[in-house]
Amino acid sequence: MEQSKTEFATQTRRLVITQITLGGFCAAGFYLAKGAIGAQSAIYGTAISIVLAVLLITGVRRAAASAEKSKNKSMAVLYFGAAQRFLLALVLFALGVGKLGLDPLAMVAGFAVAQATYLLAMQLKRSVNDEKI
């Protein structure tokens, strides 16, 4: 079990570092195109995606642990987590555009780049696991 936790932490750390790196490239592009506010907006969008990805990974792990006890509880954990992430994303985007005055396009671009990184990382992990079988 301890090895599984260590492996989980390592994979999560790698994912976050990769998301930060590619989000940084996106921010650099927006810095060149729109200046500092564009870069800040892209970084903010990337940060939203990272927070949501970590919440998803943690929620799936929690649901897997509760599946041993009850499948209904496991499903409830997943549904609650999805609703939580959706609402959090809405609030954070609204905060970024409304209160912080960030550029919506750059924010969405940073978010999209980090989300695409997450999706690609999960797809690569799945194909590696399929090859092991």
N, C-alpha and C. Protein backbone atom coordinates (compact mmCIF):
# COMPACT_ATOMS: atom_id res chain seq x y z
N MET A 1 0.82 -1.20 0.00
CA MET A 1 0.00 0.00 0.00
C MET A 1 0.87 1.27 0.00
N GLU A 2 1.96 1.22 0.76
CA GLU A 2 2.84 2.38 0.85
C GLU A 2 3.49 2.68 -0.50
N GLN A 3 3.85 1.62 -1.24
CA GLN A 3 4.44 1.81 -2.56
C GLN A 3 3.42 2.44 -3.51
N SER A 4 2.17 2.04 -3.38
CA SER A 4 1.12 2.61 -4.21
C SER A 4 0.96 4.10 -3.95
N LYS A 5 1.03 4.51 -2.69
CA LYS A 5 0.93 5.94 -2.35
C LYS A 5 2.11 6.71 -2.91
N THR A 6 3.29 6.13 -2.81
CA THR A 6 4.49 6.79 -3.34
C THR A 6 4.41 6.91 -4.85
N GLU A 7 3.96 5.85 -5.52
CA GLU A 7 3.83 5.86 -6.97
C GLU A 7 2.77 6.90 -7.39
N PHE A 8 1.69 6.95 -6.65
CA PHE A 8 0.63 7.92 -6.92
C PHE A 8 1.16 9.34 -6.79
N ALA A 9 1.90 9.61 -5.74
CA ALA A 9 2.46 10.95 -5.52
C ALA A 9 3.44 11.31 -6.63
N THR A 10 4.25 10.35 -7.05
CA THR A 10 5.22 10.60 -8.12
C THR A 10 4.51 10.90 -9.44
N GLN A 11 3.49 10.12 -9.77
CA GLN A 11 2.75 10.34 -11.01
C GLN A 11 2.03 11.69 -10.99
N THR A 12 1.44 12.02 -9.86
CA THR A 12 0.74 13.30 -9.75
C THR A 12 1.73 14.46 -9.88
N ARG A 13 2.89 14.33 -9.24
CA ARG A 13 3.91 15.38 -9.32
C ARG A 13 4.37 15.56 -10.77
N ARG A 14 4.61 14.46 -11.48
CA ARG A 14 5.03 14.55 -12.89
C ARG A 14 3.97 15.23 -13.73
N LEU A 15 2.71 14.86 -13.50
CA LEU A 15 1.62 15.46 -14.26
C LEU A 15 1.56 16.96 -14.03
N VAL A 16 1.63 17.38 -12.78
CA VAL A 16 1.56 18.80 -12.45
C VAL A 16 2.75 19.55 -13.05
N ILE A 17 3.93 18.98 -12.98
CA ILE A 17 5.11 19.63 -13.56
C ILE A 17 4.95 19.78 -15.07
N THR A 18 4.43 18.76 -15.72
CA THR A 18 4.21 18.82 -17.16
C THR A 18 3.16 19.88 -17.50
N GLN A 19 2.09 19.93 -16.72
CA GLN A 19 1.06 20.94 -16.96
C GLN A 19 1.63 22.35 -16.76
N ILE A 20 2.41 22.53 -15.74
CA ILE A 20 3.03 23.84 -15.48
C ILE A 20 3.96 24.23 -16.63
N THR A 21 4.74 23.27 -17.09
CA THR A 21 5.69 23.54 -18.18
C THR A 21 4.96 23.97 -19.45
N LEU A 22 3.98 23.18 -19.87
CA LEU A 22 3.26 23.52 -21.10
C LEU A 22 2.40 24.77 -20.92
N GLY A 23 1.85 24.96 -19.72
CA GLY A 23 1.13 26.20 -19.44
C GLY A 23 2.06 27.40 -19.49
N GLY A 24 3.30 27.20 -19.07
CA GLY A 24 4.30 28.27 -19.15
C GLY A 24 4.60 28.65 -20.59
N PHE A 25 4.68 27.66 -21.48
CA PHE A 25 4.89 27.97 -22.90
C PHE A 25 3.70 28.75 -23.46
N CYS A 26 2.51 28.34 -23.06
CA CYS A 26 1.30 29.05 -23.48
C CYS A 26 1.35 30.50 -22.96
N ALA A 27 1.72 30.66 -21.71
CA ALA A 27 1.82 31.99 -21.12
C ALA A 27 2.88 32.84 -21.84
N ALA A 28 3.99 32.21 -22.22
CA ALA A 28 5.03 32.94 -22.96
C ALA A 28 4.50 33.43 -24.30
N GLY A 29 3.73 32.59 -24.96
CA GLY A 29 3.12 33.00 -26.23
C GLY A 29 2.18 34.17 -26.05
N PHE A 30 1.37 34.12 -25.01
CA PHE A 30 0.45 35.23 -24.76
C PHE A 30 1.19 36.48 -24.27
N TYR A 31 2.32 36.29 -23.62
CA TYR A 31 3.13 37.45 -23.23
C TYR A 31 3.61 38.18 -24.48
N LEU A 32 4.07 37.40 -25.45
CA LEU A 32 4.54 38.01 -26.70
C LEU A 32 3.40 38.68 -27.46
N ALA A 33 2.21 38.07 -27.40
CA ALA A 33 1.08 38.59 -28.17
C ALA A 33 0.34 39.73 -27.46
N LYS A 34 0.14 39.58 -26.15
CA LYS A 34 -0.73 40.54 -25.45
C LYS A 34 -0.09 41.18 -24.23
N GLY A 35 1.16 40.85 -23.95
CA GLY A 35 1.83 41.46 -22.82
C GLY A 35 1.61 40.71 -21.53
N ALA A 36 1.88 41.38 -20.43
CA ALA A 36 1.85 40.74 -19.11
C ALA A 36 0.47 40.22 -18.73
N ILE A 37 -0.58 40.96 -19.07
CA ILE A 37 -1.94 40.52 -18.70
C ILE A 37 -2.30 39.22 -19.43
N GLY A 38 -1.83 39.06 -20.64
CA GLY A 38 -2.07 37.82 -21.38
C GLY A 38 -1.37 36.65 -20.72
N ALA A 39 -0.14 36.87 -20.30
CA ALA A 39 0.62 35.81 -19.62
C ALA A 39 -0.02 35.46 -18.28
N GLN A 40 -0.40 36.47 -17.52
CA GLN A 40 -1.04 36.22 -16.23
C GLN A 40 -2.35 35.44 -16.41
N SER A 41 -3.09 35.79 -17.43
CA SER A 41 -4.36 35.12 -17.69
C SER A 41 -4.15 33.65 -18.05
N ALA A 42 -3.13 33.39 -18.88
CA ALA A 42 -2.84 32.00 -19.26
C ALA A 42 -2.36 31.20 -18.05
N ILE A 43 -1.57 31.80 -17.22
CA ILE A 43 -1.11 31.12 -16.00
C ILE A 43 -2.29 30.82 -15.08
N TYR A 44 -3.19 31.77 -14.96
CA TYR A 44 -4.38 31.57 -14.12
C TYR A 44 -5.23 30.41 -14.66
N GLY A 45 -5.43 30.36 -15.98
CA GLY A 45 -6.17 29.26 -16.60
C GLY A 45 -5.48 27.93 -16.37
N THR A 46 -4.18 27.92 -16.48
CA THR A 46 -3.41 26.70 -16.22
C THR A 46 -3.58 26.27 -14.76
N ALA A 47 -3.55 27.21 -13.86
CA ALA A 47 -3.70 26.90 -12.43
C ALA A 47 -5.08 26.31 -12.15
N ILE A 48 -6.11 26.84 -12.81
CA ILE A 48 -7.45 26.27 -12.64
C ILE A 48 -7.45 24.80 -13.05
N SER A 49 -6.86 24.52 -14.19
CA SER A 49 -6.82 23.15 -14.69
C SER A 49 -6.04 22.23 -13.76
N ILE A 50 -4.95 22.71 -13.22
CA ILE A 50 -4.15 21.89 -12.30
C ILE A 50 -4.94 21.57 -11.04
N VAL A 51 -5.60 22.57 -10.49
CA VAL A 51 -6.41 22.34 -9.29
C VAL A 51 -7.50 21.30 -9.57
N LEU A 52 -8.17 21.44 -10.70
CA LEU A 52 -9.25 20.50 -11.04
C LEU A 52 -8.70 19.10 -11.29
N ALA A 53 -7.55 18.99 -11.93
CA ALA A 53 -6.95 17.68 -12.18
C ALA A 53 -6.56 16.98 -10.89
N VAL A 54 -5.98 17.72 -9.97
CA VAL A 54 -5.60 17.13 -8.69
C VAL A 54 -6.85 16.71 -7.91
N LEU A 55 -7.90 17.53 -7.95
CA LEU A 55 -9.15 17.15 -7.30
C LEU A 55 -9.73 15.88 -7.93
N LEU A 56 -9.66 15.77 -9.25
CA LEU A 56 -10.17 14.58 -9.93
C LEU A 56 -9.38 13.34 -9.53
N ILE A 57 -8.08 13.44 -9.56
CA ILE A 57 -7.23 12.30 -9.21
C ILE A 57 -7.50 11.86 -7.77
N THR A 58 -7.60 12.82 -6.88
CA THR A 58 -7.86 12.51 -5.48
C THR A 58 -9.25 11.89 -5.31
N GLY A 59 -10.24 12.43 -6.01
CA GLY A 59 -11.60 11.91 -5.92
C GLY A 59 -11.72 10.48 -6.44
N VAL A 60 -11.05 10.20 -7.54
CA VAL A 60 -11.08 8.84 -8.10
C VAL A 60 -10.41 7.87 -7.13
N ARG A 61 -9.33 8.30 -6.55
CA ARG A 61 -8.64 7.46 -5.57
C ARG A 61 -9.53 7.20 -4.35
N ARG A 62 -10.23 8.24 -3.90
CA ARG A 62 -11.14 8.10 -2.76
C ARG A 62 -12.32 7.18 -3.12
N ALA A 63 -12.83 7.33 -4.34
CA ALA A 63 -13.94 6.48 -4.78
C ALA A 63 -13.51 5.03 -4.89
N ALA A 64 -12.30 4.79 -5.35
CA ALA A 64 -11.80 3.41 -5.45
C ALA A 64 -11.68 2.78 -4.06
N ALA A 65 -11.25 3.57 -3.10
CA ALA A 65 -11.14 3.06 -1.73
C ALA A 65 -12.51 2.76 -1.14
N SER A 66 -13.50 3.60 -1.44
CA SER A 66 -14.83 3.37 -0.88
C SER A 66 -15.61 2.31 -1.66
N ALA A 67 -15.15 1.94 -2.84
CA ALA A 67 -15.82 0.90 -3.64
C ALA A 67 -15.72 -0.45 -2.97
N GLU A 68 -14.69 -0.64 -2.16
CA GLU A 68 -14.55 -1.90 -1.44
C GLU A 68 -15.69 -2.09 -0.44
N LYS A 69 -16.20 -0.98 0.08
CA LYS A 69 -17.28 -1.04 1.07
C LYS A 69 -18.65 -1.01 0.40
N SER A 70 -18.83 -0.06 -0.53
CA SER A 70 -20.15 0.11 -1.14
C SER A 70 -19.99 0.76 -2.52
N LYS A 71 -20.58 0.12 -3.52
CA LYS A 71 -20.52 0.69 -4.87
C LYS A 71 -21.34 1.97 -4.95
N ASN A 72 -22.45 2.02 -4.22
CA ASN A 72 -23.28 3.23 -4.24
C ASN A 72 -22.53 4.42 -3.64
N LYS A 73 -21.80 4.18 -2.57
CA LYS A 73 -21.03 5.26 -1.96
C LYS A 73 -19.93 5.72 -2.92
N SER A 74 -19.32 4.78 -3.60
CA SER A 74 -18.28 5.11 -4.56
C SER A 74 -18.83 5.98 -5.68
N MET A 75 -20.00 5.63 -6.19
CA MET A 75 -20.64 6.44 -7.25
C MET A 75 -20.99 7.83 -6.72
N ALA A 76 -21.46 7.90 -5.49
CA ALA A 76 -21.81 9.19 -4.90
C ALA A 76 -20.57 10.07 -4.78
N VAL A 77 -19.46 9.48 -4.40
CA VAL A 77 -18.21 10.23 -4.29
C VAL A 77 -17.82 10.79 -5.67
N LEU A 78 -17.95 9.98 -6.71
CA LEU A 78 -17.61 10.44 -8.06
C LEU A 78 -18.53 11.56 -8.53
N TYR A 79 -19.83 11.39 -8.31
CA TYR A 79 -20.79 12.42 -8.74
C TYR A 79 -20.60 13.73 -7.97
N PHE A 80 -20.39 13.62 -6.67
CA PHE A 80 -20.16 14.81 -5.86
C PHE A 80 -18.89 15.52 -6.31
N GLY A 81 -17.86 14.75 -6.60
CA GLY A 81 -16.59 15.33 -7.07
C GLY A 81 -16.76 16.04 -8.40
N ALA A 82 -17.56 15.45 -9.31
CA ALA A 82 -17.78 16.09 -10.61
C ALA A 82 -18.53 17.42 -10.44
N ALA A 83 -19.55 17.41 -9.60
CA ALA A 83 -20.29 18.65 -9.35
C ALA A 83 -19.40 19.70 -8.70
N GLN A 84 -18.59 19.26 -7.76
CA GLN A 84 -17.68 20.16 -7.06
C GLN A 84 -16.69 20.80 -8.04
N ARG A 85 -16.10 20.00 -8.91
CA ARG A 85 -15.14 20.53 -9.88
C ARG A 85 -15.80 21.49 -10.87
N PHE A 86 -17.01 21.15 -11.31
CA PHE A 86 -17.73 22.00 -12.25
C PHE A 86 -18.00 23.37 -11.63
N LEU A 87 -18.54 23.37 -10.42
CA LEU A 87 -18.84 24.63 -9.74
C LEU A 87 -17.57 25.44 -9.45
N LEU A 88 -16.53 24.74 -9.04
CA LEU A 88 -15.27 25.42 -8.77
C LEU A 88 -14.72 26.07 -10.03
N ALA A 89 -14.79 25.37 -11.16
CA ALA A 89 -14.32 25.93 -12.42
C ALA A 89 -15.12 27.18 -12.78
N LEU A 90 -16.43 27.12 -12.64
CA LEU A 90 -17.26 28.29 -12.93
C LEU A 90 -16.88 29.48 -12.05
N VAL A 91 -16.74 29.23 -10.77
CA VAL A 91 -16.41 30.30 -9.83
C VAL A 91 -15.04 30.89 -10.14
N LEU A 92 -14.06 30.03 -10.41
CA LEU A 92 -12.71 30.53 -10.67
C LEU A 92 -12.63 31.30 -11.99
N PHE A 93 -13.32 30.83 -13.02
CA PHE A 93 -13.34 31.59 -14.28
C PHE A 93 -14.05 32.93 -14.10
N ALA A 94 -15.17 32.92 -13.38
CA ALA A 94 -15.89 34.17 -13.14
C ALA A 94 -15.04 35.15 -12.33
N LEU A 95 -14.34 34.63 -11.34
CA LEU A 95 -13.44 35.46 -10.54
C LEU A 95 -12.34 36.05 -11.40
N GLY A 96 -11.76 35.24 -12.28
CA GLY A 96 -10.69 35.71 -13.14
C GLY A 96 -11.12 36.80 -14.09
N VAL A 97 -12.30 36.63 -14.70
CA VAL A 97 -12.78 37.63 -15.65
C VAL A 97 -13.37 38.84 -14.92
N GLY A 98 -14.21 38.57 -13.91
CA GLY A 98 -14.94 39.64 -13.24
C GLY A 98 -14.09 40.47 -12.30
N LYS A 99 -13.51 39.84 -11.31
CA LYS A 99 -12.79 40.58 -10.27
C LYS A 99 -11.35 40.91 -10.65
N LEU A 100 -10.67 39.96 -11.28
CA LEU A 100 -9.26 40.16 -11.58
C LEU A 100 -9.02 40.84 -12.93
N GLY A 101 -10.04 40.88 -13.77
CA GLY A 101 -9.92 41.55 -15.07
C GLY A 101 -8.96 40.87 -16.03
N LEU A 102 -8.90 39.55 -15.97
CA LEU A 102 -7.99 38.81 -16.85
C LEU A 102 -8.59 38.63 -18.24
N ASP A 103 -7.74 38.36 -19.21
CA ASP A 103 -8.15 38.15 -20.59
C ASP A 103 -8.80 36.77 -20.72
N PRO A 104 -10.07 36.70 -21.10
CA PRO A 104 -10.77 35.40 -21.17
C PRO A 104 -10.14 34.43 -22.16
N LEU A 105 -9.71 34.91 -23.32
CA LEU A 105 -9.12 34.03 -24.32
C LEU A 105 -7.84 33.38 -23.80
N ALA A 106 -6.99 34.15 -23.20
CA ALA A 106 -5.73 33.63 -22.66
C ALA A 106 -6.00 32.66 -21.51
N MET A 107 -7.00 32.98 -20.69
CA MET A 107 -7.36 32.11 -19.58
C MET A 107 -7.84 30.76 -20.09
N VAL A 108 -8.73 30.78 -21.06
CA VAL A 108 -9.25 29.54 -21.62
C VAL A 108 -8.15 28.77 -22.34
N ALA A 109 -7.26 29.48 -23.02
CA ALA A 109 -6.15 28.80 -23.70
C ALA A 109 -5.23 28.10 -22.71
N GLY A 110 -4.87 28.78 -21.62
CA GLY A 110 -4.05 28.16 -20.59
C GLY A 110 -4.73 26.95 -19.99
N PHE A 111 -6.03 27.07 -19.73
CA PHE A 111 -6.82 25.97 -19.20
C PHE A 111 -6.84 24.80 -20.19
N ALA A 112 -7.08 25.10 -21.46
CA ALA A 112 -7.16 24.05 -22.48
C ALA A 112 -5.83 23.32 -22.67
N VAL A 113 -4.74 24.05 -22.65
CA VAL A 113 -3.42 23.42 -22.79
C VAL A 113 -3.16 22.47 -21.62
N ALA A 114 -3.45 22.92 -20.42
CA ALA A 114 -3.22 22.07 -19.24
C ALA A 114 -4.18 20.88 -19.23
N GLN A 115 -5.43 21.08 -19.67
CA GLN A 115 -6.38 19.96 -19.74
C GLN A 115 -5.94 18.94 -20.78
N ALA A 116 -5.48 19.42 -21.93
CA ALA A 116 -4.99 18.52 -22.97
C ALA A 116 -3.79 17.73 -22.47
N THR A 117 -2.94 18.37 -21.70
CA THR A 117 -1.80 17.68 -21.11
C THR A 117 -2.27 16.57 -20.18
N TYR A 118 -3.28 16.87 -19.37
CA TYR A 118 -3.84 15.87 -18.47
C TYR A 118 -4.42 14.69 -19.26
N LEU A 119 -5.20 14.99 -20.29
CA LEU A 119 -5.81 13.93 -21.08
C LEU A 119 -4.76 13.05 -21.77
N LEU A 120 -3.73 13.68 -22.32
CA LEU A 120 -2.66 12.92 -22.97
C LEU A 120 -1.90 12.06 -21.95
N ALA A 121 -1.65 12.60 -20.78
CA ALA A 121 -0.95 11.83 -19.74
C ALA A 121 -1.76 10.62 -19.32
N MET A 122 -3.06 10.79 -19.18
CA MET A 122 -3.91 9.65 -18.80
C MET A 122 -3.99 8.62 -19.92
N GLN A 123 -4.02 9.08 -21.16
CA GLN A 123 -4.04 8.16 -22.30
C GLN A 123 -2.73 7.37 -22.38
N LEU A 124 -1.61 8.04 -22.18
CA LEU A 124 -0.32 7.36 -22.19
C LEU A 124 -0.23 6.34 -21.05
N LYS A 125 -0.72 6.72 -19.89
CA LYS A 125 -0.72 5.81 -18.75
C LYS A 125 -1.57 4.57 -19.04
N ARG A 126 -2.73 4.79 -19.67
CA ARG A 126 -3.61 3.69 -20.00
C ARG A 126 -2.95 2.75 -21.01
N SER A 127 -2.29 3.30 -22.04
CA SER A 127 -1.66 2.43 -23.03
C SER A 127 -0.45 1.68 -22.45
N VAL A 128 0.26 2.30 -21.52
CA VAL A 128 1.37 1.60 -20.86
C VAL A 128 0.82 0.45 -20.01
N ASN A 129 -0.27 0.71 -19.31
CA ASN A 129 -0.88 -0.35 -18.49
C ASN A 129 -1.44 -1.46 -19.35
N ASP A 130 -1.97 -1.15 -20.53
CA ASP A 130 -2.49 -2.17 -21.43
C ASP A 130 -1.37 -3.06 -21.97
N GLU A 131 -0.20 -2.47 -22.20
CA GLU A 131 0.94 -3.25 -22.70
C GLU A 131 1.48 -4.20 -21.64
N LYS A 132 1.34 -3.84 -20.37
CA LYS A 132 1.83 -4.69 -19.29
C LYS A 132 0.98 -5.95 -19.15
N ILE A 133 -0.28 -5.87 -19.55
CA ILE A 133 -1.19 -7.00 -19.37
C ILE A 133 -0.92 -8.11 -20.33
